Amino acid sequence: MSEKYVTAISNGRISTSGFFGKTWRYSSEAELIEVIHKLIAMDYAFVHQPAGWPPAAVLEDLQEKGKSFRMERSNYKRMQSDPAELGR
């Protein structure tokens, strides 16, 4: 699978996986929002799973807080689970 996706947003880091795996750093909520916008523009999907604090839940939380993050849910891709976890 060559899809680009965000696997974690935590402790000043955004982790991506797949062929394009990389770690993005942020030091404030404003920087987090800026990086999220870049990842959405680059067509990254955001992992969503029923437990824990998945990346898609972080985006939803920012939306609910009204933190200058005006992105409709339909404007970003969500994945129900991390494909890397499916093989375990």
C-alpha atoms as a PDB file:
ATOM      1  CA  MET A   1       0.000   0.000   0.000  1.00  0.00           C
ATOM      2  CA  SER A   2       1.455   3.343  -0.996  1.00  0.00           C
ATOM      3  CA  GLU A   3      -1.171   5.515   0.691  1.00  0.00           C
ATOM      4  CA  LYS A   4       0.139   8.306   2.903  1.00  0.00           C
ATOM      5  CA  TYR A   5      -1.390   8.419   6.365  1.00  0.00           C
ATOM      6  CA  VAL A   6      -0.942   9.998   9.794  1.00  0.00           C
ATOM      7  CA  THR A   7      -0.570   7.399  12.544  1.00  0.00           C
ATOM      8  CA  ALA A   8      -0.071   9.587  15.648  1.00  0.00           C
ATOM      9  CA  ILE A   9      -0.262  13.168  16.883  1.00  0.00           C
ATOM     10  CA  SER A  10       1.307  13.490  20.317  1.00  0.00           C
ATOM     11  CA  ASN A  11       3.999  15.224  22.369  1.00  0.00           C
ATOM     12  CA  GLY A  12       5.010  17.716  19.690  1.00  0.00           C
ATOM     13  CA  ARG A  13       5.210  15.135  16.913  1.00  0.00           C
ATOM     14  CA  ILE A  14       3.063  14.045  14.025  1.00  0.00           C
ATOM     15  CA  SER A  15       4.038  10.615  12.740  1.00  0.00           C
ATOM     16  CA  THR A  16       3.241   9.465   9.237  1.00  0.00           C
ATOM     17  CA  SER A  17       3.613   6.003   7.841  1.00  0.00           C
ATOM     18  CA  GLY A  18       3.481   4.063   4.631  1.00  0.00           C
ATOM     19  CA  PHE A  19       6.025   4.584   1.887  1.00  0.00           C
ATOM     20  CA  PHE A  20       6.232   8.290   2.780  1.00  0.00           C
ATOM     21  CA  GLY A  21       6.860   7.806   6.530  1.00  0.00           C
ATOM     22  CA  LYS A  22       8.178  10.881   8.323  1.00  0.00           C
ATOM     23  CA  THR A  23       7.975  12.699  11.664  1.00  0.00           C
ATOM     24  CA  TRP A  24       6.787  16.305  11.676  1.00  0.00           C
ATOM     25  CA  ARG A  25       7.444  18.446  14.753  1.00  0.00           C
ATOM     26  CA  TYR A  26       5.361  21.237  16.251  1.00  0.00           C
ATOM     27  CA  SER A  27       5.761  23.328  19.397  1.00  0.00           C
ATOM     28  CA  SER A  28       2.383  25.058  19.638  1.00  0.00           C
ATOM     29  CA  GLU A  29      -1.218  24.479  18.703  1.00  0.00           C
ATOM     30  CA  ALA A  30      -0.834  27.057  15.911  1.00  0.00           C
ATOM     31  CA  GLU A  31       2.081  25.078  14.427  1.00  0.00           C
ATOM     32  CA  LEU A  32       0.097  21.840  14.825  1.00  0.00           C
ATOM     33  CA  ILE A  33      -2.761  23.341  12.820  1.00  0.00           C
ATOM     34  CA  GLU A  34      -0.323  24.604  10.169  1.00  0.00           C
ATOM     35  CA  VAL A  35       1.239  21.146   9.751  1.00  0.00           C
ATOM     36  CA  ILE A  36      -2.200  19.490   9.656  1.00  0.00           C
ATOM     37  CA  HIS A  37      -3.250  21.837   6.839  1.00  0.00           C
ATOM     38  CA  LYS A  38      -0.077  20.947   4.915  1.00  0.00           C
ATOM     39  CA  LEU A  39      -0.697  17.219   5.380  1.00  0.00           C
ATOM     40  CA  ILE A  40      -4.296  17.551   4.215  1.00  0.00           C
ATOM     41  CA  ALA A  41      -3.106  19.495   1.150  1.00  0.00           C
ATOM     42  CA  MET A  42      -0.603  16.695   0.449  1.00  0.00           C
ATOM     43  CA  ASP A  43      -3.500  14.181   0.590  1.00  0.00           C
ATOM     44  CA  TYR A  44      -2.538  12.383   3.808  1.00  0.00           C
ATOM     45  CA  ALA A  45      -5.269  10.314   5.458  1.00  0.00           C
ATOM     46  CA  PHE A  46      -5.785  10.490   9.230  1.00  0.00           C
ATOM     47  CA  VAL A  47      -6.106   7.211  11.120  1.00  0.00           C
ATOM     48  CA  HIS A  48      -9.260   6.818  13.188  1.00  0.00           C
ATOM     49  CA  GLN A  49      -9.805   3.898  15.521  1.00  0.00           C
ATOM     50  CA  PRO A  50     -12.313   3.256  18.280  1.00  0.00           C
ATOM     51  CA  ALA A  51      -9.813   3.398  21.164  1.00  0.00           C
ATOM     52  CA  GLY A  52      -7.083   5.784  22.265  1.00  0.00           C
ATOM     53  CA  TRP A  53      -6.401   9.220  20.818  1.00  0.00           C
ATOM     54  CA  PRO A  54      -6.089   8.681  17.049  1.00  0.00           C
ATOM     55  CA  PRO A  55      -5.096  11.506  14.669  1.00  0.00           C
ATOM     56  CA  ALA A  56      -8.642  11.909  13.325  1.00  0.00           C
ATOM     57  CA  ALA A  57      -9.878  12.469  16.900  1.00  0.00           C
ATOM     58  CA  VAL A  58      -7.257  15.208  17.379  1.00  0.00           C
ATOM     59  CA  LEU A  59      -8.603  16.992  14.284  1.00  0.00           C
ATOM     60  CA  GLU A  60     -12.183  16.642  15.556  1.00  0.00           C
ATOM     61  CA  ASP A  61     -11.153  18.040  18.955  1.00  0.00           C
ATOM     62  CA  LEU A  62      -9.537  21.089  17.326  1.00  0.00           C
ATOM     63  CA  GLN A  63     -12.702  21.640  15.293  1.00  0.00           C
ATOM     64  CA  GLU A  64     -14.896  21.449  18.399  1.00  0.00           C
ATOM     65  CA  LYS A  65     -12.673  23.954  20.199  1.00  0.00           C
ATOM     66  CA  GLY A  66     -12.981  26.351  17.247  1.00  0.00           C
ATOM     67  CA  LYS A  67      -9.195  26.777  17.174  1.00  0.00           C
ATOM     68  CA  SER A  68      -8.922  28.585  13.831  1.00  0.00           C
ATOM     69  CA  PHE A  69      -9.178  25.156  12.289  1.00  0.00           C
ATOM     70  CA  ARG A  70     -12.088  25.472   9.923  1.00  0.00           C
ATOM     71  CA  MET A  71     -11.978  22.194   8.077  1.00  0.00           C
ATOM     72  CA  GLU A  72     -15.053  20.180   7.303  1.00  0.00           C
ATOM     73  CA  ARG A  73     -14.718  16.484   8.078  1.00  0.00           C
ATOM     74  CA  SER A  74     -15.326  15.677   4.429  1.00  0.00           C
ATOM     75  CA  ASN A  75     -12.276  17.753   3.422  1.00  0.00           C
ATOM     76  CA  TYR A  76      -9.790  15.293   4.891  1.00  0.00           C
ATOM     77  CA  LYS A  77      -9.406  11.564   4.476  1.00  0.00           C
ATOM     78  CA  ARG A  78      -9.924   9.196   7.384  1.00  0.00           C
ATOM     79  CA  MET A  79      -8.764   5.602   7.675  1.00  0.00           C
ATOM     80  CA  GLN A  80     -10.568   3.317  10.091  1.00  0.00           C
ATOM     81  CA  SER A  81      -7.329   1.758  11.331  1.00  0.00           C
ATOM     82  CA  ASP A  82      -3.584   1.825  10.752  1.00  0.00           C
ATOM     83  CA  PRO A  83      -2.834  -0.661   7.924  1.00  0.00           C
ATOM     84  CA  ALA A  84       0.417  -1.580   9.720  1.00  0.00           C
ATOM     85  CA  GLU A  85      -1.663  -2.827  12.663  1.00  0.00           C
ATOM     86  CA  LEU A  86      -3.872  -5.042  10.517  1.00  0.00           C
ATOM     87  CA  GLY A  87      -1.117  -7.585   9.922  1.00  0.00           C
ATOM     88  CA  ARG A  88      -0.381  -8.104  13.625  1.00  0.00           C
END
